[in-house]
PDB file of N, CA and C in Angstrom:
ATOM      1  N   UNK A   1     -20.381  17.587  13.607  1.00  0.00           N
ATOM      2  CA  UNK A   1     -19.704  16.513  12.924  1.00  0.00           C
ATOM      3  C   UNK A   1     -19.504  17.037  11.476  1.00  0.00           C
ATOM      4  N   UNK A   2     -20.194  18.111  11.032  1.00  0.00           N
ATOM      5  CA  UNK A   2     -19.986  18.735   9.750  1.00  0.00           C
ATOM      6  C   UNK A   2     -18.434  19.432   9.650  1.00  0.00           C
ATOM      7  N   UNK A   3     -18.105  20.045  10.729  1.00  0.00           N
ATOM      8  CA  UNK A   3     -16.874  20.725  10.754  1.00  0.00           C
ATOM      9  C   UNK A   3     -15.743  19.588  10.712  1.00  0.00           C
ATOM     10  N   UNK A   4     -15.866  18.549  11.466  1.00  0.00           N
ATOM     11  CA  UNK A   4     -14.849  17.419  11.274  1.00  0.00           C
ATOM     12  C   UNK A   4     -14.868  17.022   9.839  1.00  0.00           C
ATOM     13  N   UNK A   5     -16.129  16.620   9.279  1.00  0.00           N
ATOM     14  CA  UNK A   5     -16.038  16.184   7.842  1.00  0.00           C
ATOM     15  C   UNK A   5     -15.338  17.288   6.876  1.00  0.00           C
ATOM     16  N   UNK A   6     -15.500  18.463   7.215  1.00  0.00           N
ATOM     17  CA  UNK A   6     -14.869  19.667   6.239  1.00  0.00           C
ATOM     18  C   UNK A   6     -13.347  19.519   6.570  1.00  0.00           C
ATOM     19  N   UNK A   7     -12.923  19.417   7.824  1.00  0.00           N
ATOM     20  CA  UNK A   7     -11.490  19.318   8.068  1.00  0.00           C
ATOM     21  C   UNK A   7     -11.007  18.205   7.466  1.00  0.00           C
ATOM     22  N   UNK A   8     -11.696  16.942   7.614  1.00  0.00           N
ATOM     23  CA  UNK A   8     -11.165  15.673   6.937  1.00  0.00           C
ATOM     24  C   UNK A   8     -10.992  15.850   5.424  1.00  0.00           C
ATOM     25  N   UNK A   9     -11.948  16.489   4.814  1.00  0.00           N
ATOM     26  CA  UNK A   9     -11.854  16.782   3.394  1.00  0.00           C
ATOM     27  C   UNK A   9     -10.722  17.512   3.125  1.00  0.00           C
ATOM     28  N   UNK A  10     -10.408  18.545   3.805  1.00  0.00           N
ATOM     29  CA  UNK A  10      -9.251  19.499   3.408  1.00  0.00           C
ATOM     30  C   UNK A  10      -8.013  18.649   3.752  1.00  0.00           C
ATOM     31  N   UNK A  11      -7.859  17.791   4.725  1.00  0.00           N
ATOM     32  CA  UNK A  11      -6.806  17.039   5.091  1.00  0.00           C
ATOM     33  C   UNK A  11      -6.580  16.088   3.793  1.00  0.00           C
ATOM     34  N   UNK A  12      -7.588  15.447   3.268  1.00  0.00           N
ATOM     35  CA  UNK A  12      -7.428  14.583   2.249  1.00  0.00           C
ATOM     36  C   UNK A  12      -6.978  15.229   0.921  1.00  0.00           C
ATOM     37  N   UNK A  13      -7.592  16.621   0.839  1.00  0.00           N
ATOM     38  CA  UNK A  13      -7.039  17.349  -0.372  1.00  0.00           C
ATOM     39  C   UNK A  13      -5.565  17.607  -0.296  1.00  0.00           C
ATOM     40  N   UNK A  14      -5.248  17.975   0.923  1.00  0.00           N
ATOM     41  CA  UNK A  14      -3.810  18.273   1.135  1.00  0.00           C
ATOM     42  C   UNK A  14      -2.869  17.206   0.882  1.00  0.00           C
ATOM     43  N   UNK A  15      -3.303  15.998   1.430  1.00  0.00           N
ATOM     44  CA  UNK A  15      -2.536  14.727   1.108  1.00  0.00           C
ATOM     45  C   UNK A  15      -2.380  14.427  -0.303  1.00  0.00           C
ATOM     46  N   UNK A  16      -3.518  14.604  -0.841  1.00  0.00           N
ATOM     47  CA  UNK A  16      -3.591  14.309  -2.511  1.00  0.00           C
ATOM     48  C   UNK A  16      -2.645  15.143  -3.264  1.00  0.00           C
ATOM     49  N   UNK A  17      -2.480  16.430  -2.654  1.00  0.00           N
ATOM     50  CA  UNK A  17      -1.618  17.382  -3.288  1.00  0.00           C
ATOM     51  C   UNK A  17      -0.077  17.213  -2.962  1.00  0.00           C
ATOM     52  N   UNK A  18       0.123  16.564  -1.932  1.00  0.00           N
ATOM     53  CA  UNK A  18       1.544  16.315  -1.385  1.00  0.00           C
ATOM     54  C   UNK A  18       2.527  15.805  -2.454  1.00  0.00           C
ATOM     55  N   UNK A  19       3.763  16.083  -2.359  1.00  0.00           N
ATOM     56  CA  UNK A  19       4.721  15.585  -3.264  1.00  0.00           C
ATOM     57  C   UNK A  19       4.835  14.045  -3.146  1.00  0.00           C
ATOM     58  N   UNK A  20       4.681  13.528  -1.819  1.00  0.00           N
ATOM     59  CA  UNK A  20       4.821  12.162  -1.713  1.00  0.00           C
ATOM     60  C   UNK A  20       3.641  11.305  -2.465  1.00  0.00           C
ATOM     61  N   UNK A  21       2.458  11.984  -2.346  1.00  0.00           N
ATOM     62  CA  UNK A  21       1.340  11.176  -3.066  1.00  0.00           C
ATOM     63  C   UNK A  21       1.429  11.381  -4.657  1.00  0.00           C
ATOM     64  N   UNK A  22       1.854  12.355  -5.013  1.00  0.00           N
ATOM     65  CA  UNK A  22       2.101  12.656  -6.447  1.00  0.00           C
ATOM     66  C   UNK A  22       3.247  11.545  -7.007  1.00  0.00           C
ATOM     67  N   UNK A  23       4.256  11.438  -6.237  1.00  0.00           N
ATOM     68  CA  UNK A  23       5.176  10.428  -6.711  1.00  0.00           C
ATOM     69  C   UNK A  23       4.662   8.986  -6.554  1.00  0.00           C
ATOM     70  N   UNK A  24       3.803   8.736  -5.566  1.00  0.00           N
ATOM     71  CA  UNK A  24       3.260   7.474  -5.504  1.00  0.00           C
ATOM     72  C   UNK A  24       2.256   7.115  -6.615  1.00  0.00           C
ATOM     73  N   UNK A  25       1.495   8.176  -7.134  1.00  0.00           N
ATOM     74  CA  UNK A  25       0.574   7.991  -8.205  1.00  0.00           C
ATOM     75  C   UNK A  25       1.356   7.793  -9.403  1.00  0.00           C
ATOM     76  N   UNK A  26       2.530   8.416  -9.584  1.00  0.00           N
ATOM     77  CA  UNK A  26       3.290   8.258 -10.859  1.00  0.00           C
ATOM     78  C   UNK A  26       3.867   6.881 -10.767  1.00  0.00           C
ATOM     79  N   UNK A  27       4.228   6.351  -9.706  1.00  0.00           N
ATOM     80  CA  UNK A  27       4.917   5.172  -9.595  1.00  0.00           C
ATOM     81  C   UNK A  27       3.879   4.008  -9.903  1.00  0.00           C
ATOM     82  N   UNK A  28       2.676   4.140  -9.488  1.00  0.00           N
ATOM     83  CA  UNK A  28       1.580   3.173  -9.663  1.00  0.00           C
ATOM     84  C   UNK A  28       1.337   3.264 -11.207  1.00  0.00           C
ATOM     85  N   UNK A  29       1.314   4.431 -11.821  1.00  0.00           N
ATOM     86  CA  UNK A  29       1.007   4.311 -13.228  1.00  0.00           C
ATOM     87  C   UNK A  29       2.066   3.889 -14.064  1.00  0.00           C
ATOM     88  N   UNK A  30       3.392   3.878 -13.573  1.00  0.00           N
ATOM     89  CA  UNK A  30       4.425   3.282 -14.302  1.00  0.00           C
ATOM     90  C   UNK A  30       4.455   1.749 -14.160  1.00  0.00           C
ATOM     91  N   UNK A  31       4.168   1.178 -13.009  1.00  0.00           N
ATOM     92  CA  UNK A  31       4.065  -0.130 -12.743  1.00  0.00           C
ATOM     93  C   UNK A  31       2.789  -0.839 -13.584  1.00  0.00           C
ATOM     94  N   UNK A  32       1.669   0.056 -13.581  1.00  0.00           N
ATOM     95  CA  UNK A  32       0.489  -0.462 -14.516  1.00  0.00           C
ATOM     96  C   UNK A  32       0.845  -0.495 -15.884  1.00  0.00           C
ATOM     97  N   UNK A  33       1.763   0.190 -16.379  1.00  0.00           N
ATOM     98  CA  UNK A  33       2.050   0.232 -17.863  1.00  0.00           C
ATOM     99  C   UNK A  33       3.254  -0.678 -18.127  1.00  0.00           C
ATOM    100  N   UNK A  34       3.939  -1.301 -17.054  1.00  0.00           N
ATOM    101  CA  UNK A  34       5.155  -2.174 -17.219  1.00  0.00           C
ATOM    102  C   UNK A  34       4.596  -3.549 -17.587  1.00  0.00           C
ATOM    103  N   UNK A  35       4.743  -3.999 -18.920  1.00  0.00           N
ATOM    104  CA  UNK A  35       4.135  -5.305 -19.156  1.00  0.00           C
ATOM    105  C   UNK A  35       4.898  -6.450 -18.549  1.00  0.00           C
ATOM    106  N   UNK A  36       6.166  -6.345 -18.308  1.00  0.00           N
ATOM    107  CA  UNK A  36       7.042  -7.342 -17.560  1.00  0.00           C
ATOM    108  C   UNK A  36       6.284  -7.511 -16.150  1.00  0.00           C
ATOM    109  N   UNK A  37       6.121  -6.421 -15.522  1.00  0.00           N
ATOM    110  CA  UNK A  37       5.557  -6.511 -14.206  1.00  0.00           C
ATOM    111  C   UNK A  37       4.237  -7.231 -14.170  1.00  0.00           C
ATOM    112  N   UNK A  38       3.413  -6.814 -15.069  1.00  0.00           N
ATOM    113  CA  UNK A  38       2.004  -7.419 -15.230  1.00  0.00           C
ATOM    114  C   UNK A  38       2.045  -8.947 -15.569  1.00  0.00           C
ATOM    115  N   UNK A  39       3.031  -9.363 -16.361  1.00  0.00           N
ATOM    116  CA  UNK A  39       3.104 -10.784 -16.548  1.00  0.00           C
ATOM    117  C   UNK A  39       3.580 -11.420 -15.227  1.00  0.00           C
ATOM    118  N   UNK A  40       4.460 -10.832 -14.494  1.00  0.00           N
ATOM    119  CA  UNK A  40       5.001 -11.545 -13.336  1.00  0.00           C
ATOM    120  C   UNK A  40       3.907 -11.570 -12.358  1.00  0.00           C
ATOM    121  N   UNK A  41       3.062 -10.574 -12.123  1.00  0.00           N
ATOM    122  CA  UNK A  41       1.896 -10.425 -11.119  1.00  0.00           C
ATOM    123  C   UNK A  41       0.883 -11.467 -11.472  1.00  0.00           C
ATOM    124  N   UNK A  42       0.571 -11.608 -12.879  1.00  0.00           N
ATOM    125  CA  UNK A  42      -0.360 -12.668 -13.204  1.00  0.00           C
ATOM    126  C   UNK A  42       0.094 -13.902 -12.918  1.00  0.00           C
ATOM    127  N   UNK A  43       1.334 -14.280 -13.098  1.00  0.00           N
ATOM    128  CA  UNK A  43       1.910 -15.600 -12.899  1.00  0.00           C
ATOM    129  C   UNK A  43       1.831 -15.784 -11.407  1.00  0.00           C
ATOM    130  N   UNK A  44       2.327 -14.859 -10.571  1.00  0.00           N
ATOM    131  CA  UNK A  44       2.252 -14.970  -9.135  1.00  0.00           C
ATOM    132  C   UNK A  44       0.784 -15.166  -8.528  1.00  0.00           C
ATOM    133  N   UNK A  45      -0.155 -14.526  -9.105  1.00  0.00           N
ATOM    134  CA  UNK A  45      -1.586 -14.774  -8.721  1.00  0.00           C
ATOM    135  C   UNK A  45      -1.957 -16.177  -9.111  1.00  0.00           C
ATOM    136  N   UNK A  46      -1.679 -16.568 -10.307  1.00  0.00           N
ATOM    137  CA  UNK A  46      -1.898 -18.020 -10.629  1.00  0.00           C
ATOM    138  C   UNK A  46      -1.398 -19.114  -9.736  1.00  0.00           C
ATOM    139  N   UNK A  47       0.066 -18.921  -9.485  1.00  0.00           N
ATOM    140  CA  UNK A  47       0.564 -19.626  -8.476  1.00  0.00           C
ATOM    141  C   UNK A  47      -0.021 -19.705  -7.186  1.00  0.00           C
ATOM    142  N   UNK A  48      -0.248 -18.601  -6.607  1.00  0.00           N
ATOM    143  CA  UNK A  48      -0.881 -18.309  -5.345  1.00  0.00           C
ATOM    144  C   UNK A  48      -2.244 -19.032  -5.245  1.00  0.00           C
ATOM    145  N   UNK A  49      -3.183 -18.965  -6.325  1.00  0.00           N
ATOM    146  CA  UNK A  49      -4.422 -19.778  -6.398  1.00  0.00           C
ATOM    147  C   UNK A  49      -4.077 -21.338  -6.351  1.00  0.00           C
ATOM    148  N   UNK A  50      -3.030 -21.786  -7.044  1.00  0.00           N
ATOM    149  CA  UNK A  50      -2.691 -23.116  -7.027  1.00  0.00           C
ATOM    150  C   UNK A  50      -2.334 -23.559  -5.678  1.00  0.00           C
ATOM    151  N   UNK A  51      -1.459 -22.720  -5.111  1.00  0.00           N
ATOM    152  CA  UNK A  51      -1.048 -23.071  -3.676  1.00  0.00           C
ATOM    153  C   UNK A  51      -2.345 -23.136  -2.814  1.00  0.00           C
ATOM    154  N   UNK A  52      -3.126 -22.123  -2.830  1.00  0.00           N
ATOM    155  CA  UNK A  52      -4.298 -22.120  -2.052  1.00  0.00           C
ATOM    156  C   UNK A  52      -5.094 -23.309  -2.225  1.00  0.00           C
ATOM    157  N   UNK A  53      -5.331 -23.758  -3.474  1.00  0.00           N
ATOM    158  CA  UNK A  53      -6.185 -24.799  -3.598  1.00  0.00           C
ATOM    159  C   UNK A  53      -5.499 -26.266  -3.038  1.00  0.00           C
ATOM    160  N   UNK A  54      -4.240 -26.269  -3.241  1.00  0.00           N
ATOM    161  CA  UNK A  54      -3.480 -27.480  -2.702  1.00  0.00           C
ATOM    162  C   UNK A  54      -3.574 -27.443  -1.160  1.00  0.00           C
ATOM    163  N   UNK A  55      -3.372 -26.416  -0.472  1.00  0.00           N
ATOM    164  CA  UNK A  55      -3.458 -26.333   0.980  1.00  0.00           C
ATOM    165  C   UNK A  55      -4.849 -26.729   1.384  1.00  0.00           C
ATOM    166  N   UNK A  56      -5.904 -26.112   0.799  1.00  0.00           N
ATOM    167  CA  UNK A  56      -7.390 -26.263   1.222  1.00  0.00           C
ATOM    168  C   UNK A  56      -7.724 -27.712   1.056  1.00  0.00           C
ATOM    169  N   UNK A  57      -7.034 -28.475   0.186  1.00  0.00           N
ATOM    170  CA  UNK A  57      -7.311 -29.846  -0.099  1.00  0.00           C
ATOM    171  C   UNK A  57      -6.445 -30.744   0.874  1.00  0.00           C
ATOM    172  N   UNK A  58      -5.503 -30.077   1.659  1.00  0.00           N
ATOM    173  CA  UNK A  58      -4.762 -30.862   2.501  1.00  0.00           C
ATOM    174  C   UNK A  58      -3.404 -31.328   2.005  1.00  0.00           C
ATOM    175  N   UNK A  59      -3.041 -30.782   0.727  1.00  0.00           N
ATOM    176  CA  UNK A  59      -1.729 -31.239   0.166  1.00  0.00           C
ATOM    177  C   UNK A  59      -0.790 -30.039   0.259  1.00  0.00           C
ATOM    178  N   UNK A  60       0.463 -30.328   0.086  1.00  0.00           N
ATOM    179  CA  UNK A  60       1.583 -29.395   0.112  1.00  0.00           C
ATOM    180  C   UNK A  60       1.903 -29.230  -1.286  1.00  0.00           C
ATOM    181  N   UNK A  61       2.250 -27.845  -1.706  1.00  0.00           N
ATOM    182  CA  UNK A  61       2.811 -27.609  -2.943  1.00  0.00           C
ATOM    183  C   UNK A  61       4.182 -28.396  -3.042  1.00  0.00           C
ATOM    184  N   UNK A  62       4.407 -28.811  -4.347  1.00  0.00           N
ATOM    185  CA  UNK A  62       5.778 -29.588  -4.535  1.00  0.00           C
ATOM    186  C   UNK A  62       6.867 -28.598  -4.754  1.00  0.00           C
ATOM    187  N   UNK A  63       8.036 -29.101  -4.671  1.00  0.00           N
ATOM    188  CA  UNK A  63       9.165 -28.103  -4.739  1.00  0.00           C
ATOM    189  C   UNK A  63       9.186 -27.259  -6.047  1.00  0.00           C
ATOM    190  N   UNK A  64       8.725 -27.796  -7.079  1.00  0.00           N
ATOM    191  CA  UNK A  64       8.785 -27.000  -8.312  1.00  0.00           C
ATOM    192  C   UNK A  64       7.818 -25.871  -8.216  1.00  0.00           C
ATOM    193  N   UNK A  65       6.644 -25.918  -7.576  1.00  0.00           N
ATOM    194  CA  UNK A  65       5.746 -24.936  -7.539  1.00  0.00           C
ATOM    195  C   UNK A  65       6.300 -23.755  -6.557  1.00  0.00           C
ATOM    196  N   UNK A  66       6.900 -24.259  -5.487  1.00  0.00           N
ATOM    197  CA  UNK A  66       7.664 -23.348  -4.445  1.00  0.00           C
ATOM    198  C   UNK A  66       8.703 -22.536  -5.264  1.00  0.00           C
ATOM    199  N   UNK A  67       9.571 -23.214  -5.970  1.00  0.00           N
ATOM    200  CA  UNK A  67      10.648 -22.707  -6.748  1.00  0.00           C
ATOM    201  C   UNK A  67      10.192 -21.605  -7.718  1.00  0.00           C
ATOM    202  N   UNK A  68       9.178 -21.979  -8.518  1.00  0.00           N
ATOM    203  CA  UNK A  68       8.607 -21.150  -9.522  1.00  0.00           C
ATOM    204  C   UNK A  68       8.026 -19.888  -8.806  1.00  0.00           C
ATOM    205  N   UNK A  69       7.451 -20.056  -7.716  1.00  0.00           N
ATOM    206  CA  UNK A  69       6.778 -18.827  -7.045  1.00  0.00           C
ATOM    207  C   UNK A  69       8.073 -17.998  -6.500  1.00  0.00           C
ATOM    208  N   UNK A  70       8.915 -18.599  -5.902  1.00  0.00           N
ATOM    209  CA  UNK A  70      10.122 -17.728  -5.424  1.00  0.00           C
ATOM    210  C   UNK A  70      10.851 -17.112  -6.484  1.00  0.00           C
ATOM    211  N   UNK A  71      11.059 -17.706  -7.682  1.00  0.00           N
ATOM    212  CA  UNK A  71      11.663 -17.046  -8.850  1.00  0.00           C
ATOM    213  C   UNK A  71      10.765 -15.916  -9.224  1.00  0.00           C
ATOM    214  N   UNK A  72       9.561 -16.039  -9.377  1.00  0.00           N
ATOM    215  CA  UNK A  72       8.822 -15.065 -10.013  1.00  0.00           C
ATOM    216  C   UNK A  72       8.628 -13.823  -8.872  1.00  0.00           C
ATOM    217  N   UNK A  73       8.627 -14.059  -7.685  1.00  0.00           N
ATOM    218  CA  UNK A  73       8.643 -13.210  -6.745  1.00  0.00           C
ATOM    219  C   UNK A  73       9.962 -12.250  -6.719  1.00  0.00           C
ATOM    220  N   UNK A  74      11.011 -12.862  -6.861  1.00  0.00           N
ATOM    221  CA  UNK A  74      12.416 -12.343  -6.953  1.00  0.00           C
ATOM    222  C   UNK A  74      12.473 -11.430  -8.250  1.00  0.00           C
ATOM    223  N   UNK A  75      11.880 -11.913  -9.298  1.00  0.00           N
ATOM    224  CA  UNK A  75      11.862 -11.168 -10.484  1.00  0.00           C
ATOM    225  C   UNK A  75      11.096  -9.762 -10.288  1.00  0.00           C
ATOM    226  N   UNK A  76       9.997  -9.975  -9.631  1.00  0.00           N
ATOM    227  CA  UNK A  76       9.066  -8.751  -9.367  1.00  0.00           C
ATOM    228  C   UNK A  76       9.865  -7.911  -8.508  1.00  0.00           C
ATOM    229  N   UNK A  77      10.490  -8.395  -7.438  1.00  0.00           N
ATOM    230  CA  UNK A  77      11.233  -7.424  -6.441  1.00  0.00           C
ATOM    231  C   UNK A  77      12.527  -6.807  -6.967  1.00  0.00           C
ATOM    232  N   UNK A  78      13.048  -7.413  -8.055  1.00  0.00           N
ATOM    233  CA  UNK A  78      14.149  -6.734  -8.657  1.00  0.00           C
ATOM    234  C   UNK A  78      13.823  -5.834  -9.860  1.00  0.00           C
ATOM    235  N   UNK A  79      12.540  -5.674 -10.232  1.00  0.00           N
ATOM    236  CA  UNK A  79      12.164  -4.947 -11.248  1.00  0.00           C
ATOM    237  C   UNK A  79      12.214  -3.295 -10.676  1.00  0.00           C
ATOM    238  N   UNK A  80      12.841  -2.550 -11.565  1.00  0.00           N
ATOM    239  CA  UNK A  80      13.128  -1.262 -11.242  1.00  0.00           C
ATOM    240  C   UNK A  80      11.655  -0.402 -11.007  1.00  0.00           C
ATOM    241  N   UNK A  81      10.797  -0.689 -11.822  1.00  0.00           N
ATOM    242  CA  UNK A  81       9.463   0.104 -11.680  1.00  0.00           C
ATOM    243  C   UNK A  81       8.771  -0.385 -10.279  1.00  0.00           C
ATOM    244  N   UNK A  82       8.874  -1.529  -9.955  1.00  0.00           N
ATOM    245  CA  UNK A  82       8.307  -2.315  -8.778  1.00  0.00           C
ATOM    246  C   UNK A  82       9.083  -1.644  -7.615  1.00  0.00           C
ATOM    247  N   UNK A  83      10.336  -1.485  -7.686  1.00  0.00           N
ATOM    248  CA  UNK A  83      11.053  -0.848  -6.496  1.00  0.00           C
ATOM    249  C   UNK A  83      10.792   0.434  -6.328  1.00  0.00           C
ATOM    250  N   UNK A  84      10.610   1.249  -7.335  1.00  0.00           N
ATOM    251  CA  UNK A  84      10.109   2.710  -7.217  1.00  0.00           C
ATOM    252  C   UNK A  84       8.714   2.785  -6.538  1.00  0.00           C
ATOM    253  N   UNK A  85       7.968   1.873  -6.864  1.00  0.00           N
ATOM    254  CA  UNK A  85       6.613   1.734  -6.293  1.00  0.00           C
ATOM    255  C   UNK A  85       6.669   1.435  -4.805  1.00  0.00           C
ATOM    256  N   UNK A  86       7.363   0.569  -4.381  1.00  0.00           N
ATOM    257  CA  UNK A  86       7.643   0.153  -2.953  1.00  0.00           C
ATOM    258  C   UNK A  86       8.254   1.415  -2.258  1.00  0.00           C
ATOM    259  N   UNK A  87       9.131   1.962  -2.826  1.00  0.00           N
ATOM    260  CA  UNK A  87       9.762   3.168  -2.046  1.00  0.00           C
ATOM    261  C   UNK A  87       8.873   4.359  -1.805  1.00  0.00           C
ATOM    262  N   UNK A  88       8.035   4.507  -3.109  1.00  0.00           N
ATOM    263  CA  UNK A  88       6.986   5.700  -2.974  1.00  0.00           C
ATOM    264  C   UNK A  88       5.960   5.361  -1.856  1.00  0.00           C
ATOM    265  N   UNK A  89       5.512   4.121  -1.886  1.00  0.00           N
ATOM    266  CA  UNK A  89       4.540   3.625  -0.950  1.00  0.00           C
ATOM    267  C   UNK A  89       5.092   3.830   0.399  1.00  0.00           C
ATOM    268  N   UNK A  90       6.308   3.404   0.781  1.00  0.00           N
ATOM    269  CA  UNK A  90       6.848   3.676   2.164  1.00  0.00           C
ATOM    270  C   UNK A  90       7.064   5.092   2.406  1.00  0.00           C
ATOM    271  N   UNK A  91       7.413   5.940   1.515  1.00  0.00           N
ATOM    272  CA  UNK A  91       7.522   7.402   1.909  1.00  0.00           C
ATOM    273  C   UNK A  91       5.976   7.904   2.050  1.00  0.00           C
ATOM    274  N   UNK A  92       5.072   7.614   1.374  1.00  0.00           N
ATOM    275  CA  UNK A  92       3.753   8.068   1.611  1.00  0.00           C
ATOM    276  C   UNK A  92       3.305   7.538   2.994  1.00  0.00           C
ATOM    277  N   UNK A  93       3.484   6.285   3.191  1.00  0.00           N
ATOM    278  CA  UNK A  93       2.999   5.758   4.558  1.00  0.00           C
ATOM    279  C   UNK A  93       3.836   6.433   5.795  1.00  0.00           C
ATOM    280  N   UNK A  94       4.977   6.984   5.494  1.00  0.00           N
ATOM    281  CA  UNK A  94       5.583   7.661   6.692  1.00  0.00           C
ATOM    282  C   UNK A  94       4.826   9.016   6.836  1.00  0.00           C
ATOM    283  N   UNK A  95       4.362   9.754   5.752  1.00  0.00           N
ATOM    284  CA  UNK A  95       3.472  10.911   5.878  1.00  0.00           C
ATOM    285  C   UNK A  95       2.171  10.623   6.701  1.00  0.00           C
ATOM    286  N   UNK A  96       1.616   9.415   6.302  1.00  0.00           N
ATOM    287  CA  UNK A  96       0.349   8.998   6.931  1.00  0.00           C
ATOM    288  C   UNK A  96       0.505   8.820   8.480  1.00  0.00           C
ATOM    289  N   UNK A  97       1.726   8.213   8.737  1.00  0.00           N
ATOM    290  CA  UNK A  97       1.967   7.890  10.170  1.00  0.00           C
ATOM    291  C   UNK A  97       2.245   9.220  10.939  1.00  0.00           C
ATOM    292  N   UNK A  98       2.924  10.125  10.342  1.00  0.00           N
ATOM    293  CA  UNK A  98       3.079  11.542  11.007  1.00  0.00           C
ATOM    294  C   UNK A  98       1.677  12.229  11.150  1.00  0.00           C
ATOM    295  N   UNK A  99       0.849  12.071  10.187  1.00  0.00           N
ATOM    296  CA  UNK A  99      -0.542  12.715  10.175  1.00  0.00           C
ATOM    297  C   UNK A  99      -1.273  12.021  11.506  1.00  0.00           C
ATOM    298  N   UNK A 100      -1.315  10.702  11.504  1.00  0.00           N
ATOM    299  CA  UNK A 100      -2.002  10.022  12.525  1.00  0.00           C
ATOM    300  C   UNK A 100      -1.407  10.393  13.839  1.00  0.00           C
ATOM    301  N   UNK A 101      -0.130  10.497  14.023  1.00  0.00           N
ATOM    302  CA  UNK A 101       0.513  10.722  15.408  1.00  0.00           C
ATOM    303  C   UNK A 101       0.038  12.288  15.647  1.00  0.00           C
ATOM    304  N   UNK A 102       0.016  13.078  14.715  1.00  0.00           N
ATOM    305  CA  UNK A 102      -0.435  14.434  15.024  1.00  0.00           C
ATOM    306  C   UNK A 102      -2.014  14.616  15.370  1.00  0.00           C
ATOM    307  N   UNK A 103      -2.747  13.763  14.672  1.00  0.00           N
ATOM    308  CA  UNK A 103      -4.213  13.639  15.084  1.00  0.00           C
ATOM    309  C   UNK A 103      -4.331  13.146  16.441  1.00  0.00           C
ATOM    310  N   UNK A 104      -3.608  12.057  16.865  1.00  0.00           N
ATOM    311  CA  UNK A 104      -3.738  11.488  18.199  1.00  0.00           C
ATOM    312  C   UNK A 104      -3.221  12.547  19.301  1.00  0.00           C
ATOM    313  N   UNK A 105      -2.171  13.354  18.970  1.00  0.00           N
ATOM    314  CA  UNK A 105      -1.805  14.405  19.847  1.00  0.00           C
ATOM    315  C   UNK A 105      -2.893  15.341  19.986  1.00  0.00           C
ATOM    316  N   UNK A 106      -3.486  15.772  18.769  1.00  0.00           N
ATOM    317  CA  UNK A 106      -4.643  16.718  19.001  1.00  0.00           C
ATOM    318  C   UNK A 106      -5.801  16.209  19.764  1.00  0.00           C
ATOM    319  N   UNK A 107      -6.155  14.849  19.633  1.00  0.00           N
ATOM    320  CA  UNK A 107      -7.163  14.274  20.386  1.00  0.00           C
ATOM    321  C   UNK A 107      -6.884  14.384  21.827  1.00  0.00           C
ATOM    322  N   UNK A 108      -5.652  14.108  22.260  1.00  0.00           N
ATOM    323  CA  UNK A 108      -5.263  14.251  23.720  1.00  0.00           C
ATOM    324  C   UNK A 108      -5.544  15.486  24.303  1.00  0.00           C
ATOM    325  N   UNK A 109      -4.966  16.468  23.493  1.00  0.00           N
ATOM    326  CA  UNK A 109      -5.190  17.938  23.822  1.00  0.00           C
ATOM    327  C   UNK A 109      -6.677  18.290  23.983  1.00  0.00           C
ATOM    328  N   UNK A 110      -7.484  17.813  23.024  1.00  0.00           N
ATOM    329  CA  UNK A 110      -9.003  18.117  23.079  1.00  0.00           C
ATOM    330  C   UNK A 110      -9.661  17.360  24.012  1.00  0.00           C
ATOM    331  N   UNK A 111      -9.248  16.194  24.513  1.00  0.00           N
ATOM    332  CA  UNK A 111      -9.799  15.326  25.474  1.00  0.00           C
ATOM    333  C   UNK A 111      -9.776  16.147  26.947  1.00  0.00           C
ATOM    334  N   UNK A 112      -8.602  16.843  26.986  1.00  0.00           N
ATOM    335  CA  UNK A 112      -8.277  17.442  28.303  1.00  0.00           C
ATOM    336  C   UNK A 112      -8.874  18.863  28.368  1.00  0.00           C
ATOM    337  N   UNK A 113      -9.394  19.351  27.343  1.00  0.00           N
ATOM    338  CA  UNK A 113      -9.926  20.723  27.229  1.00  0.00           C
ATOM    339  C   UNK A 113     -11.414  20.702  27.973  1.00  0.00           C
ATOM    340  N   UNK A 114     -11.548  21.841  28.642  1.00  0.00           N
ATOM    341  CA  UNK A 114     -12.873  21.895  29.423  1.00  0.00           C
ATOM    342  C   UNK A 114     -13.916  22.337  28.471  1.00  0.00           C
ATOM    343  N   UNK A 115     -13.693  22.820  27.287  1.00  0.00           N
ATOM    344  CA  UNK A 115     -14.510  23.481  26.316  1.00  0.00           C
ATOM    345  C   UNK A 115     -15.018  22.258  25.472  1.00  0.00           C
ATOM    346  N   UNK A 116     -16.363  22.178  25.333  1.00  0.00           N
ATOM    347  CA  UNK A 116     -16.967  21.026  24.651  1.00  0.00           C
ATOM    348  C   UNK A 116     -17.463  21.668  23.340  1.00  0.00           C
ATOM    349  N   UNK A 117     -17.180  21.270  22.112  1.00  0.00           N
ATOM    350  CA  UNK A 117     -17.565  21.683  20.996  1.00  0.00           C
ATOM    351  C   UNK A 117     -18.844  20.814  20.511  1.00  0.00           C
ATOM    352  N   UNK A 118     -19.903  21.476  19.904  1.00  0.00           N
ATOM    353  CA  UNK A 118     -21.051  20.678  19.470  1.00  0.00           C
ATOM    354  C   UNK A 118     -20.637  19.685  18.246  1.00  0.00           C
TER     355      UNK A 118
END
């Protein structure tokens, strides 16, 4: 298991050094510093809690709450920094999917091997 842990650590290090991860880190940092996005996220969280409370008490949110939520979500989604974050996350997710597919292929080959490693 030690060898697997070492290889996993190397993989994590390489992923952390990848261009896709660096772009993602930068996009996260930009979003974290974007006061407009922070305000919108705070407002969305507040509305989500309000909706959750209403639903758990058996009530439906009224149209004004729904409209406010949709408008806030739309503002968030049209923010340039948020769009960069979503794109960066999607690109990094593609890297992770490829890594997982490669690991699965390696596991299939390893499972068919007659040589068992400790």
